[in-house]
Amino acid sequence: MTVMNTNSPKQQGVRLLVRSLRKSYNGVEVLKGIDFEVNAGEIFVIMGPSGSGKSVLLRQLIGLEEPDNGEVLIEGQPIQSPDIPSRYRVAMVFQSGALLTSMTVGENVGFYLSEHHLKTPGEIADIVARDLEQVGLKGTENKMPDELSGGMRKRVAIARALAVEPQLILYDEPTSELDPVSAVSIAEEIVKLNDQIHATSLVVSHDRDLAFGIAHRIAVLEEGRIIAIGTPGEIKRNPDSRVQQFVNASIIQQLAASAHLQTPFSVPGRPL
């Protein structure tokens, strides 16, 4: 997967700063002092293996939970500040898509605008049509979510995020449960939208292909700590053995090593 935008990102998003973030549950520390900065207009990917703390970190970043220590700042303001919703537009694309199955695609995309009476029905219809076309789903307003493929549902979720004209978009495992072709399509969509709307994009994922394909910079999360930050090239060259183990992990190699196989392409009990 290689859909990297080689141009410098235009600075029209918002700056995100995370400082000394810690979070524990029942005395078990999950986040152990997280520090990183996301530049305005950047695609920043946080990647790491399962259990590294990605989901917990994301809950702090979107303000669903308060950290035990540290802070999350948007343009210098705490994410928990009551002024944030009125001053900065933040959108979230959930891992499952989180579409309301009783609503049409169009109703899902326009839900926030209609629920908060931010636009007239005619204006909402125009915004829905515009944003669905932007993600390649023109004319799907009247379809129901269960009529769509997994990749199409992810696109609807992205269109719903676009409806609020976000300055910061957070993506939670955007390629999970997708086939490789659909995953590439979603990756291309993230890059295209970054070019078009210039929002800051923060992507949380364990998908290495996605990270190296779209990111301006990558942070590697391991056991609740950021162990490396850099461009895709810098991460690939990082000498830390923990980084290299994650970046270069291969199922075939792991099976071969654990079973002491003569060849990495043969598994005991299975014919070649």
Protein backbone atom coordinates (compact mmCIF):
# COMPACT_ATOMS: atom_id res chain seq x y z
CA MET A 1 0.00 0.00 0.00
CA THR A 2 1.68 3.22 -1.14
CA VAL A 3 -0.54 6.26 -1.38
CA MET A 4 1.70 8.71 0.43
CA ASN A 5 1.18 12.39 -0.30
CA THR A 6 4.63 13.72 -1.14
CA ASN A 7 3.58 17.37 -0.94
CA SER A 8 3.91 19.28 2.31
CA PRO A 9 0.59 19.45 4.17
CA LYS A 10 -1.16 22.82 4.03
CA GLN A 11 -1.46 24.35 7.48
CA GLN A 12 -5.24 24.74 7.76
CA GLY A 13 -5.98 22.12 10.42
CA VAL A 14 -5.32 22.43 14.14
CA ARG A 15 -2.31 21.56 16.25
CA LEU A 16 -2.68 18.74 18.78
CA LEU A 17 -0.32 18.44 21.73
CA VAL A 18 -0.24 15.54 24.20
CA ARG A 19 1.89 15.96 27.32
CA SER A 20 2.77 13.47 30.07
CA LEU A 21 -0.46 11.52 29.60
CA ARG A 22 -1.08 8.74 32.13
CA LYS A 23 -4.08 6.49 32.67
CA SER A 24 -4.65 3.58 35.06
CA TYR A 25 -7.50 1.17 35.66
CA ASN A 26 -7.83 -0.65 38.99
CA GLY A 27 -4.25 0.18 39.83
CA VAL A 28 -2.85 -1.05 36.50
CA GLU A 29 -1.13 1.70 34.54
CA VAL A 30 -2.02 1.47 30.85
CA LEU A 31 -0.65 4.78 29.58
CA LYS A 32 2.73 5.52 31.11
CA GLY A 33 3.57 9.09 30.19
CA ILE A 34 2.64 9.78 26.57
CA ASP A 35 4.16 12.79 24.79
CA PHE A 36 3.73 13.76 21.15
CA GLU A 37 2.70 16.66 18.94
CA VAL A 38 0.67 16.59 15.73
CA ASN A 39 1.24 19.50 13.36
CA ALA A 40 -1.65 21.32 11.75
CA GLY A 41 -2.65 19.62 8.49
CA GLU A 42 -0.53 16.53 9.15
CA ILE A 43 -1.46 12.86 8.79
CA PHE A 44 -0.11 11.37 12.00
CA VAL A 45 -0.45 7.63 12.59
CA ILE A 46 -0.15 5.97 15.99
CA MET A 47 0.55 2.30 15.48
CA GLY A 48 1.34 -0.57 17.75
CA PRO A 49 0.41 -4.16 18.54
CA SER A 50 -2.79 -5.24 20.27
CA GLY A 51 -2.71 -4.40 23.97
CA SER A 52 -0.26 -1.52 23.56
CA GLY A 53 -2.79 1.06 24.76
CA LYS A 54 -4.07 2.48 21.47
CA SER A 55 -7.77 2.34 22.34
CA VAL A 56 -7.20 3.84 25.79
CA LEU A 57 -5.12 6.63 24.28
CA LEU A 58 -7.82 7.38 21.73
CA ARG A 59 -10.45 7.74 24.47
CA GLN A 60 -8.27 10.40 26.12
CA LEU A 61 -7.71 12.19 22.81
CA ILE A 62 -11.42 12.58 22.06
CA GLY A 63 -12.31 13.52 25.62
CA LEU A 64 -14.36 10.44 26.48
CA GLU A 65 -12.18 9.91 29.55
CA GLU A 66 -10.03 12.18 31.67
CA PRO A 67 -6.42 11.11 32.12
CA ASP A 68 -5.01 10.60 35.60
CA ASN A 69 -2.19 12.99 34.75
CA GLY A 70 -1.12 15.05 31.78
CA GLU A 71 -3.17 16.86 29.18
CA VAL A 72 -4.44 16.89 25.61
CA LEU A 73 -4.40 20.34 24.01
CA ILE A 74 -5.95 21.60 20.78
CA GLU A 75 -4.30 24.86 19.77
CA GLY A 76 -3.20 25.23 23.38
CA GLN A 77 -6.64 24.58 24.91
CA PRO A 78 -7.45 21.45 26.96
CA ILE A 79 -9.66 18.98 25.09
CA GLN A 80 -12.03 18.96 28.09
CA SER A 81 -12.51 22.73 27.91
CA PRO A 82 -16.14 23.77 27.29
CA ASP A 83 -14.86 26.21 24.66
CA ILE A 84 -13.47 23.47 22.41
CA PRO A 85 -16.75 22.48 20.66
CA SER A 86 -17.54 26.09 19.78
CA ARG A 87 -14.04 27.03 18.64
CA TYR A 88 -12.73 23.90 16.92
CA ARG A 89 -14.47 21.25 14.84
CA VAL A 90 -13.40 17.73 15.75
CA ALA A 91 -14.79 14.57 14.10
CA MET A 92 -14.35 10.88 14.83
CA VAL A 93 -14.49 7.91 12.45
CA PHE A 94 -15.17 4.86 14.60
CA GLN A 95 -13.69 1.43 13.96
CA SER A 96 -17.10 -0.17 13.34
CA GLY A 97 -18.42 2.83 11.43
CA ALA A 98 -21.08 3.17 14.18
CA LEU A 99 -23.84 3.84 11.67
CA LEU A 100 -27.42 3.90 12.94
CA THR A 101 -29.00 0.90 11.23
CA SER A 102 -32.53 2.29 11.43
CA MET A 103 -31.56 5.36 9.39
CA THR A 104 -30.72 5.75 5.74
CA VAL A 105 -27.23 6.63 4.59
CA GLY A 106 -28.28 10.24 4.08
CA GLU A 107 -29.85 10.46 7.52
CA ASN A 108 -26.67 9.04 9.07
CA VAL A 109 -24.45 11.56 7.32
CA GLY A 110 -26.64 14.51 8.24
CA PHE A 111 -27.52 13.29 11.73
CA TYR A 112 -25.36 15.71 13.75
CA LEU A 113 -26.48 18.72 11.72
CA SER A 114 -30.16 17.86 11.99
CA GLU A 115 -30.02 16.76 15.64
CA HIS A 116 -28.49 20.08 16.67
CA HIS A 117 -30.56 22.15 14.19
CA LEU A 118 -27.41 23.61 12.67
CA LYS A 119 -28.75 23.77 9.12
CA THR A 120 -32.06 23.83 7.33
CA PRO A 121 -33.29 20.54 5.80
CA GLY A 122 -32.40 21.80 2.33
CA GLU A 123 -28.90 22.79 3.39
CA ILE A 124 -28.40 19.42 5.09
CA ALA A 125 -29.49 17.60 1.93
CA ASP A 126 -26.93 19.58 -0.09
CA ILE A 127 -24.16 18.86 2.44
CA VAL A 128 -25.02 15.15 2.53
CA ALA A 129 -24.95 14.92 -1.26
CA ARG A 130 -21.66 16.81 -1.42
CA ASP A 131 -19.90 14.70 1.19
CA LEU A 132 -21.16 11.37 -0.16
CA GLU A 133 -19.90 12.35 -3.59
CA GLN A 134 -16.57 13.33 -2.03
CA VAL A 135 -16.10 9.78 -0.72
CA GLY A 136 -17.28 8.13 -3.93
CA LEU A 137 -20.84 7.27 -2.82
CA LYS A 138 -22.89 9.67 -4.93
CA GLY A 139 -26.58 8.76 -5.02
CA THR A 140 -26.61 6.41 -2.01
CA GLU A 141 -28.62 8.70 0.27
CA ASN A 142 -31.67 6.40 0.38
CA LYS A 143 -29.81 3.13 0.92
CA MET A 144 -29.77 1.46 4.32
CA PRO A 145 -26.45 0.60 6.03
CA ASP A 146 -27.07 -3.16 5.75
CA GLU A 147 -27.23 -2.79 1.95
CA LEU A 148 -23.61 -1.64 1.87
CA SER A 149 -20.29 -3.47 1.94
CA GLY A 150 -17.89 -2.99 4.84
CA GLY A 151 -15.77 -0.58 2.83
CA MET A 152 -18.81 1.46 1.81
CA ARG A 153 -19.95 1.72 5.44
CA LYS A 154 -16.51 3.06 6.37
CA ARG A 155 -16.90 5.66 3.61
CA VAL A 156 -20.30 6.68 4.97
CA ALA A 157 -18.70 7.12 8.40
CA ILE A 158 -16.06 9.36 6.83
CA ALA A 159 -18.76 11.36 5.01
CA ARG A 160 -20.58 11.82 8.33
CA ALA A 161 -17.36 13.19 9.82
CA LEU A 162 -16.94 15.56 6.87
CA ALA A 163 -20.43 17.00 7.38
CA VAL A 164 -19.18 19.06 10.34
CA GLU A 165 -16.31 20.49 8.23
CA PRO A 166 -13.71 19.18 10.70
CA GLN A 167 -10.37 20.74 11.48
CA LEU A 168 -9.27 17.54 13.21
CA ILE A 169 -10.35 14.01 12.20
CA LEU A 170 -9.54 11.01 14.37
CA TYR A 171 -9.69 7.58 12.73
CA ASP A 172 -9.95 4.42 14.86
CA GLU A 173 -8.57 1.39 12.97
CA PRO A 174 -10.05 2.57 9.65
CA THR A 175 -8.99 -0.54 7.70
CA SER A 176 -9.96 -3.20 10.25
CA GLU A 177 -12.22 -6.00 8.97
CA LEU A 178 -11.68 -4.90 5.38
CA ASP A 179 -10.29 -6.93 2.50
CA PRO A 180 -6.97 -5.67 1.05
CA VAL A 181 -8.59 -3.87 -1.89
CA SER A 182 -11.08 -2.04 0.34
CA ALA A 183 -8.28 -1.20 2.79
CA VAL A 184 -6.27 0.47 0.02
CA SER A 185 -9.39 2.38 -1.03
CA ILE A 186 -9.90 3.76 2.48
CA ALA A 187 -6.21 4.68 2.70
CA GLU A 188 -6.50 6.59 -0.56
CA GLU A 189 -9.60 8.33 0.79
CA ILE A 190 -7.75 9.55 3.89
CA VAL A 191 -4.94 11.00 1.77
CA LYS A 192 -7.34 12.56 -0.74
CA LEU A 193 -9.33 14.25 2.01
CA ASN A 194 -6.16 15.51 3.65
CA ASP A 195 -5.26 17.14 0.33
CA GLN A 196 -8.73 18.58 -0.23
CA ILE A 197 -9.87 19.83 3.18
CA HIS A 198 -6.45 20.18 4.85
CA ALA A 199 -7.72 18.96 8.23
CA THR A 200 -5.31 17.44 10.72
CA SER A 201 -5.70 13.64 10.59
CA LEU A 202 -4.79 11.37 13.50
CA VAL A 203 -5.05 7.67 12.69
CA VAL A 204 -4.84 4.92 15.33
CA SER A 205 -4.07 1.56 13.74
CA HIS A 206 -2.09 -1.67 13.93
CA ASP A 207 -2.03 -1.81 10.10
CA ARG A 208 1.59 -1.31 9.08
CA ASP A 209 0.77 -1.01 5.38
CA LEU A 210 -1.68 1.77 6.14
CA ALA A 211 0.76 3.60 8.39
CA PHE A 212 3.66 3.49 5.95
CA GLY A 213 1.38 4.27 3.02
CA ILE A 214 -0.32 7.43 4.26
CA ALA A 215 1.56 8.98 7.18
CA HIS A 216 3.63 12.12 7.22
CA ARG A 217 4.86 10.87 10.60
CA ILE A 218 4.34 7.74 12.70
CA ALA A 219 4.45 7.14 16.45
CA VAL A 220 5.03 3.59 17.67
CA LEU A 221 3.21 2.71 20.89
CA GLU A 222 4.50 -0.18 22.98
CA GLU A 223 3.16 -1.17 26.42
CA GLY A 224 1.76 2.28 27.12
CA ARG A 225 4.79 4.25 25.96
CA ILE A 226 5.74 5.99 22.72
CA ILE A 227 9.04 4.36 21.80
CA ALA A 228 9.64 6.05 18.45
CA ILE A 229 8.37 8.97 16.37
CA GLY A 230 9.45 9.82 12.85
CA THR A 231 8.71 9.75 9.16
CA PRO A 232 7.95 6.35 7.65
CA GLY A 233 11.55 6.11 6.48
CA GLU A 234 12.92 7.03 9.90
CA ILE A 235 10.72 4.42 11.59
CA LYS A 236 11.85 1.72 9.19
CA ARG A 237 15.49 2.59 9.97
CA ASN A 238 14.98 2.95 13.72
CA PRO A 239 17.51 0.70 15.50
CA ASP A 240 15.28 -0.06 18.51
CA SER A 241 14.70 -3.82 18.51
CA ARG A 242 11.09 -3.36 19.69
CA VAL A 243 10.34 -1.11 16.73
CA GLN A 244 11.98 -3.50 14.30
CA GLN A 245 10.14 -6.48 15.75
CA PHE A 246 6.78 -4.82 15.10
CA VAL A 247 7.71 -3.30 11.74
CA ASN A 248 9.17 -6.52 10.35
CA ALA A 249 6.92 -9.11 12.00
CA SER A 250 5.92 -11.91 9.63
CA ILE A 251 3.52 -14.74 10.37
CA ILE A 252 5.54 -17.17 8.27
CA GLN A 253 8.80 -16.20 9.96
CA GLN A 254 7.24 -16.45 13.41
CA LEU A 255 5.82 -19.91 12.66
CA ALA A 256 9.14 -21.03 11.29
CA ALA A 257 11.06 -19.77 14.30
CA SER A 258 8.66 -21.20 16.88
CA ALA A 259 8.46 -24.63 15.22
CA HIS A 260 12.18 -24.81 14.28
CA LEU A 261 11.19 -25.60 10.71
CA GLN A 262 13.65 -26.49 7.99
CA THR A 263 11.92 -24.10 5.63
CA PRO A 264 9.65 -21.13 6.46
CA PHE A 265 7.11 -22.39 3.93
CA SER A 266 6.29 -25.72 5.57
CA VAL A 267 4.08 -26.24 8.61
CA PRO A 268 4.13 -29.58 10.43
CA GLY A 269 1.26 -31.81 9.36
CA ARG A 270 0.44 -29.74 6.29
CA PRO A 271 1.59 -30.64 2.78
CA LEU A 272 3.29 -28.02 0.69
